[in-house]
Amino acid sequence: MELEVDTMKPVINRLKRAQGQLNGVIRMLEEGSDCRTVVTQLSAASKAIDRAGFAIIATGLEQCLKSEDPTADRADLEKLFLSLA
């Protein structure tokens, strides 16, 4: 099953924001920024990546259910979903 590019645009945007946040965290560490600020930015980046992953999984599940893909069984989908936990 391939994900549709148009449906993934919001996910791509979220990941690009997370990439910017990660670059910011690296820069802050290199500049010796305050620990609290660094951890706050790192947490935001982590949540953005998690949400992107959940969106990808939800889209995949939706597409699997709509197409009734015989190769995507419940155990595989559950394993994929839990890999983000």
Protein backbone atom coordinates (compact mmCIF):
# COMPACT_ATOMS: atom_id res chain seq x y z
CA MET A 1 0.00 0.00 0.00
CA GLU A 2 1.37 3.38 -0.99
CA LEU A 3 0.37 6.57 0.76
CA GLU A 4 -1.16 9.28 -1.40
CA VAL A 5 1.06 12.35 -1.64
CA ASP A 6 -1.88 14.77 -1.44
CA THR A 7 -3.09 13.23 1.81
CA MET A 8 0.40 13.39 3.28
CA LYS A 9 0.95 17.13 2.70
CA PRO A 10 -0.11 18.08 6.26
CA VAL A 11 2.17 15.36 7.62
CA ILE A 12 5.06 16.57 5.50
CA ASN A 13 4.49 20.12 6.77
CA ARG A 14 4.43 18.89 10.37
CA LEU A 15 7.69 17.00 9.86
CA LYS A 16 9.32 20.05 8.29
CA ARG A 17 8.33 22.08 11.37
CA ALA A 18 9.79 19.35 13.58
CA GLN A 19 12.97 19.43 11.51
CA GLY A 20 13.20 23.18 12.14
CA GLN A 21 12.65 22.62 15.85
CA LEU A 22 15.40 20.00 15.93
CA ASN A 23 17.76 22.35 14.13
CA GLY A 24 16.87 24.94 16.75
CA VAL A 25 17.63 22.50 19.57
CA ILE A 26 21.03 21.71 18.07
CA ARG A 27 21.81 25.40 17.69
CA MET A 28 20.70 26.08 21.27
CA LEU A 29 22.94 23.30 22.56
CA GLU A 30 25.88 24.61 20.57
CA GLU A 31 25.28 28.08 22.00
CA GLY A 32 24.93 26.83 25.58
CA SER A 33 21.28 27.84 26.01
CA ASP A 34 19.22 27.36 29.14
CA CYS A 35 18.37 23.71 29.88
CA ARG A 36 14.65 24.40 30.35
CA THR A 37 14.38 26.10 26.96
CA VAL A 38 16.24 23.28 25.22
CA VAL A 39 14.06 20.59 26.81
CA THR A 40 10.88 22.51 25.94
CA GLN A 41 11.91 22.72 22.27
CA LEU A 42 12.98 19.08 22.22
CA SER A 43 9.63 18.06 23.69
CA ALA A 44 7.78 20.06 21.02
CA ALA A 45 9.80 18.40 18.26
CA SER A 46 9.18 14.96 19.72
CA LYS A 47 5.42 15.56 19.91
CA ALA A 48 5.36 16.82 16.33
CA ILE A 49 7.13 13.68 15.12
CA ASP A 50 4.78 11.46 17.13
CA ARG A 51 1.72 13.22 15.72
CA ALA A 52 3.07 12.87 12.20
CA GLY A 53 3.55 9.16 12.77
CA PHE A 54 0.03 8.77 14.13
CA ALA A 55 -1.35 10.64 11.11
CA ILE A 56 0.53 8.33 8.76
CA ILE A 57 -0.77 5.27 10.60
CA ALA A 58 -4.34 6.60 10.65
CA THR A 59 -4.19 7.31 6.91
CA GLY A 60 -2.76 3.88 6.24
CA LEU A 61 -5.45 2.23 8.34
CA GLU A 62 -8.15 4.20 6.57
CA GLN A 63 -6.79 3.25 3.16
CA CYS A 64 -6.45 -0.40 4.19
CA LEU A 65 -10.00 -0.51 5.46
CA LYS A 66 -11.37 1.19 2.37
CA SER A 67 -9.51 -1.03 -0.04
CA GLU A 68 -9.70 -4.10 2.19
CA ASP A 69 -6.08 -4.87 1.44
CA PRO A 70 -5.67 -8.61 2.07
CA THR A 71 -1.98 -8.23 2.90
CA ALA A 72 -2.62 -5.85 5.82
CA ASP A 73 -3.88 -7.96 8.69
CA ARG A 74 -4.81 -6.64 12.11
CA ALA A 75 -1.63 -7.89 13.78
CA ASP A 76 0.58 -6.07 11.29
CA LEU A 77 -1.38 -2.83 11.66
CA GLU A 78 -1.32 -3.11 15.45
CA LYS A 79 2.42 -3.75 15.47
CA LEU A 80 2.95 -0.72 13.24
CA PHE A 81 0.79 1.47 15.48
CA LEU A 82 2.52 0.30 18.66
CA SER A 83 5.94 1.01 17.21
CA LEU A 84 5.19 4.67 17.90
CA ALA A 85 4.27 4.13 21.55
